[in-house]
């Protein structure tokens, strides 16, 4: 699995941490490439972007 990139902001949420401080966490769209080789031959069975 390879990281192919980070996209636009999807959502930003506020969280309270263990020290009672309020923090913002930003979530982004992400794209990863998944490659699945056959165990015996090593031949690529699938290669997809999700």
PDB file of N, CA and C in Angstrom:
ATOM      1  N   UNK A   1       0.852  -1.155   0.000  1.00  0.00           N
ATOM      2  CA  UNK A   1       0.000   0.000   0.000  1.00  0.00           C
ATOM      3  C   UNK A   1       0.902   1.223   0.000  1.00  0.00           C
ATOM      4  N   UNK A   2       0.664   2.140  -0.910  1.00  0.00           N
ATOM      5  CA  UNK A   2       1.433   3.377  -1.014  1.00  0.00           C
ATOM      6  C   UNK A   2       0.521   4.557  -0.791  1.00  0.00           C
ATOM      7  N   UNK A   3       1.046   5.596  -0.177  1.00  0.00           N
ATOM      8  CA  UNK A   3       0.283   6.830  -0.039  1.00  0.00           C
ATOM      9  C   UNK A   3       0.408   7.592  -1.340  1.00  0.00           C
ATOM     10  N   UNK A   4      -0.704   7.939  -1.944  1.00  0.00           N
ATOM     11  CA  UNK A   4      -0.676   8.627  -3.231  1.00  0.00           C
ATOM     12  C   UNK A   4      -0.965  10.112  -3.097  1.00  0.00           C
ATOM     13  N   UNK A   5      -1.503  10.535  -1.979  1.00  0.00           N
ATOM     14  CA  UNK A   5      -1.748  11.954  -1.834  1.00  0.00           C
ATOM     15  C   UNK A   5      -2.832  12.267  -0.821  1.00  0.00           C
ATOM     16  N   UNK A   6      -2.826  13.512  -0.407  1.00  0.00           N
ATOM     17  CA  UNK A   6      -3.823  14.014   0.530  1.00  0.00           C
ATOM     18  C   UNK A   6      -4.606  15.103  -0.178  1.00  0.00           C
ATOM     19  N   UNK A   7      -5.917  15.049  -0.060  1.00  0.00           N
ATOM     20  CA  UNK A   7      -6.769  15.983  -0.777  1.00  0.00           C
ATOM     21  C   UNK A   7      -7.319  17.090   0.088  1.00  0.00           C
ATOM     22  N   UNK A   8      -8.477  17.556  -0.293  1.00  0.00           N
ATOM     23  CA  UNK A   8      -9.135  18.663   0.376  1.00  0.00           C
ATOM     24  C   UNK A   8      -9.574  18.302   1.786  1.00  0.00           C
ATOM     25  N   UNK A   9      -9.802  19.331   2.589  1.00  0.00           N
ATOM     26  CA  UNK A   9     -10.305  19.137   3.940  1.00  0.00           C
ATOM     27  C   UNK A   9     -11.736  18.624   3.885  1.00  0.00           C
ATOM     28  N   UNK A  10     -12.018  17.582   4.660  1.00  0.00           N
ATOM     29  CA  UNK A  10     -13.353  17.013   4.729  1.00  0.00           C
ATOM     30  C   UNK A  10     -14.106  17.594   5.919  1.00  0.00           C
ATOM     31  N   UNK A  11     -13.433  17.631   7.066  1.00  0.00           N
ATOM     32  CA  UNK A  11     -14.090  18.076   8.284  1.00  0.00           C
ATOM     33  C   UNK A  11     -13.030  18.470   9.309  1.00  0.00           C
ATOM     34  N   UNK A  12     -13.361  19.423  10.156  1.00  0.00           N
ATOM     35  CA  UNK A  12     -12.521  19.792  11.286  1.00  0.00           C
ATOM     36  C   UNK A  12     -13.346  19.651  12.549  1.00  0.00           C
ATOM     37  N   UNK A  13     -12.811  18.908  13.516  1.00  0.00           N
ATOM     38  CA  UNK A  13     -13.525  18.653  14.768  1.00  0.00           C
ATOM     39  C   UNK A  13     -12.704  19.169  15.940  1.00  0.00           C
ATOM     40  N   UNK A  14     -13.403  19.541  16.991  1.00  0.00           N
ATOM     41  CA  UNK A  14     -12.738  19.990  18.209  1.00  0.00           C
ATOM     42  C   UNK A  14     -12.779  18.864  19.235  1.00  0.00           C
ATOM     43  N   UNK A  15     -11.639  18.650  19.894  1.00  0.00           N
ATOM     44  CA  UNK A  15     -11.511  17.600  20.901  1.00  0.00           C
ATOM     45  C   UNK A  15     -10.901  18.189  22.160  1.00  0.00           C
ATOM     46  N   UNK A  16     -11.254  17.613  23.287  1.00  0.00           N
ATOM     47  CA  UNK A  16     -10.637  17.986  24.559  1.00  0.00           C
ATOM     48  C   UNK A  16      -9.632  16.891  24.902  1.00  0.00           C
ATOM     49  N   UNK A  17      -8.365  17.280  25.100  1.00  0.00           N
ATOM     50  CA  UNK A  17      -7.341  16.283  25.396  1.00  0.00           C
ATOM     51  C   UNK A  17      -7.295  15.958  26.890  1.00  0.00           C
ATOM     52  N   UNK A  18      -6.351  15.105  27.280  1.00  0.00           N
ATOM     53  CA  UNK A  18      -6.241  14.664  28.678  1.00  0.00           C
ATOM     54  C   UNK A  18      -5.930  15.803  29.643  1.00  0.00           C
ATOM     55  N   UNK A  19      -5.325  16.874  29.139  1.00  0.00           N
ATOM     56  CA  UNK A  19      -4.993  18.042  29.970  1.00  0.00           C
ATOM     57  C   UNK A  19      -6.104  19.080  29.955  1.00  0.00           C
ATOM     58  N   UNK A  20      -7.280  18.683  29.424  1.00  0.00           N
ATOM     59  CA  UNK A  20      -8.457  19.560  29.353  1.00  0.00           C
ATOM     60  C   UNK A  20      -8.294  20.731  28.383  1.00  0.00           C
ATOM     61  N   UNK A  21      -7.314  20.656  27.493  1.00  0.00           N
ATOM     62  CA  UNK A  21      -7.161  21.687  26.451  1.00  0.00           C
ATOM     63  C   UNK A  21      -8.008  21.298  25.250  1.00  0.00           C
ATOM     64  N   UNK A  22      -8.611  22.289  24.624  1.00  0.00           N
ATOM     65  CA  UNK A  22      -9.428  22.042  23.434  1.00  0.00           C
ATOM     66  C   UNK A  22      -8.539  22.210  22.212  1.00  0.00           C
ATOM     67  N   UNK A  23      -8.568  21.203  21.349  1.00  0.00           N
ATOM     68  CA  UNK A  23      -7.741  21.208  20.139  1.00  0.00           C
ATOM     69  C   UNK A  23      -8.615  20.928  18.923  1.00  0.00           C
ATOM     70  N   UNK A  24      -8.166  21.372  17.780  1.00  0.00           N
ATOM     71  CA  UNK A  24      -8.861  21.083  16.525  1.00  0.00           C
ATOM     72  C   UNK A  24      -8.070  20.043  15.744  1.00  0.00           C
ATOM     73  N   UNK A  25      -8.790  19.092  15.178  1.00  0.00           N
ATOM     74  CA  UNK A  25      -8.188  18.066  14.338  1.00  0.00           C
ATOM     75  C   UNK A  25      -8.853  18.159  12.972  1.00  0.00           C
ATOM     76  N   UNK A  26      -8.046  18.229  11.932  1.00  0.00           N
ATOM     77  CA  UNK A  26      -8.556  18.360  10.571  1.00  0.00           C
ATOM     78  C   UNK A  26      -8.405  17.028   9.841  1.00  0.00           C
ATOM     79  N   UNK A  27      -9.477  16.578   9.213  1.00  0.00           N
ATOM     80  CA  UNK A  27      -9.481  15.351   8.432  1.00  0.00           C
ATOM     81  C   UNK A  27      -9.479  15.716   6.949  1.00  0.00           C
ATOM     82  N   UNK A  28      -8.648  15.017   6.174  1.00  0.00           N
ATOM     83  CA  UNK A  28      -8.513  15.272   4.736  1.00  0.00           C
ATOM     84  C   UNK A  28      -8.911  14.041   3.944  1.00  0.00           C
ATOM     85  N   UNK A  29      -9.352  14.265   2.713  1.00  0.00           N
ATOM     86  CA  UNK A  29      -9.533  13.140   1.801  1.00  0.00           C
ATOM     87  C   UNK A  29      -8.150  12.566   1.537  1.00  0.00           C
ATOM     88  N   UNK A  30      -8.070  11.260   1.416  1.00  0.00           N
ATOM     89  CA  UNK A  30      -6.791  10.609   1.149  1.00  0.00           C
ATOM     90  C   UNK A  30      -6.972   9.575   0.056  1.00  0.00           C
ATOM     91  N   UNK A  31      -5.925   9.368  -0.688  1.00  0.00           N
ATOM     92  CA  UNK A  31      -5.942   8.365  -1.741  1.00  0.00           C
ATOM     93  C   UNK A  31      -4.747   7.458  -1.521  1.00  0.00           C
ATOM     94  N   UNK A  32      -5.002   6.151  -1.551  1.00  0.00           N
ATOM     95  CA  UNK A  32      -3.921   5.176  -1.413  1.00  0.00           C
ATOM     96  C   UNK A  32      -3.987   4.185  -2.564  1.00  0.00           C
ATOM     97  N   UNK A  33      -2.839   3.702  -2.964  1.00  0.00           N
ATOM     98  CA  UNK A  33      -2.756   2.674  -3.997  1.00  0.00           C
ATOM     99  C   UNK A  33      -2.553   1.330  -3.322  1.00  0.00           C
ATOM    100  N   UNK A  34      -3.374   0.358  -3.685  1.00  0.00           N
ATOM    101  CA  UNK A  34      -3.282  -0.980  -3.115  1.00  0.00           C
ATOM    102  C   UNK A  34      -2.890  -1.937  -4.222  1.00  0.00           C
ATOM    103  N   UNK A  35      -1.826  -2.707  -3.985  1.00  0.00           N
ATOM    104  CA  UNK A  35      -1.383  -3.713  -4.948  1.00  0.00           C
ATOM    105  C   UNK A  35      -1.437  -5.069  -4.269  1.00  0.00           C
ATOM    106  N   UNK A  36      -1.990  -6.076  -4.962  1.00  0.00           N
ATOM    107  CA  UNK A  36      -2.105  -7.411  -4.393  1.00  0.00           C
ATOM    108  C   UNK A  36      -1.471  -8.432  -5.332  1.00  0.00           C
ATOM    109  N   UNK A  37      -0.273  -8.905  -4.994  1.00  0.00           N
ATOM    110  CA  UNK A  37       0.355  -9.931  -5.819  1.00  0.00           C
ATOM    111  C   UNK A  37      -0.074 -11.334  -5.398  1.00  0.00           C
ATOM    112  N   UNK A  38      -0.076 -12.265  -6.350  1.00  0.00           N
ATOM    113  CA  UNK A  38      -0.361 -13.661  -6.033  1.00  0.00           C
ATOM    114  C   UNK A  38       0.788 -14.214  -5.190  1.00  0.00           C
ATOM    115  N   UNK A  39       0.474 -15.018  -4.187  1.00  0.00           N
ATOM    116  CA  UNK A  39       1.505 -15.515  -3.277  1.00  0.00           C
ATOM    117  C   UNK A  39       2.509 -16.448  -3.954  1.00  0.00           C
ATOM    118  N   UNK A  40       2.049 -17.281  -4.841  1.00  0.00           N
ATOM    119  CA  UNK A  40       2.954 -18.245  -5.474  1.00  0.00           C
ATOM    120  C   UNK A  40       3.772 -17.640  -6.602  1.00  0.00           C
ATOM    121  N   UNK A  41       3.136 -16.853  -7.457  1.00  0.00           N
ATOM    122  CA  UNK A  41       3.816 -16.361  -8.658  1.00  0.00           C
ATOM    123  C   UNK A  41       4.349 -14.941  -8.522  1.00  0.00           C
ATOM    124  N   UNK A  42       3.778 -14.168  -7.621  1.00  0.00           N
ATOM    125  CA  UNK A  42       4.167 -12.770  -7.500  1.00  0.00           C
ATOM    126  C   UNK A  42       3.508 -11.883  -8.539  1.00  0.00           C
ATOM    127  N   UNK A  43       2.705 -12.481  -9.427  1.00  0.00           N
ATOM    128  CA  UNK A  43       2.019 -11.745 -10.474  1.00  0.00           C
ATOM    129  C   UNK A  43       0.954 -10.834  -9.833  1.00  0.00           C
ATOM    130  N   UNK A  44       0.851  -9.625 -10.338  1.00  0.00           N
ATOM    131  CA  UNK A  44      -0.101  -8.664  -9.805  1.00  0.00           C
ATOM    132  C   UNK A  44      -1.531  -9.131 -10.079  1.00  0.00           C
ATOM    133  N   UNK A  45      -2.300  -9.348  -9.016  1.00  0.00           N
ATOM    134  CA  UNK A  45      -3.683  -9.782  -9.119  1.00  0.00           C
ATOM    135  C   UNK A  45      -4.589  -8.566  -9.288  1.00  0.00           C
ATOM    136  N   UNK A  46      -4.321  -7.518  -8.513  1.00  0.00           N
ATOM    137  CA  UNK A  46      -5.102  -6.304  -8.624  1.00  0.00           C
ATOM    138  C   UNK A  46      -4.245  -5.107  -8.215  1.00  0.00           C
ATOM    139  N   UNK A  47      -4.535  -3.993  -8.814  1.00  0.00           N
ATOM    140  CA  UNK A  47      -3.916  -2.742  -8.456  1.00  0.00           C
ATOM    141  C   UNK A  47      -4.987  -1.666  -8.533  1.00  0.00           C
ATOM    142  N   UNK A  48      -5.369  -1.118  -7.388  1.00  0.00           N
ATOM    143  CA  UNK A  48      -6.477  -0.168  -7.364  1.00  0.00           C
ATOM    144  C   UNK A  48      -6.097   1.076  -6.588  1.00  0.00           C
ATOM    145  N   UNK A  49      -6.783   2.119  -6.918  1.00  0.00           N
ATOM    146  CA  UNK A  49      -6.690   3.368  -6.156  1.00  0.00           C
ATOM    147  C   UNK A  49      -7.976   3.536  -5.407  1.00  0.00           C
ATOM    148  N   UNK A  50      -7.897   3.783  -4.134  1.00  0.00           N
ATOM    149  CA  UNK A  50      -9.068   3.988  -3.296  1.00  0.00           C
ATOM    150  C   UNK A  50      -8.914   5.260  -2.537  1.00  0.00           C
TER     151      UNK A  50
END
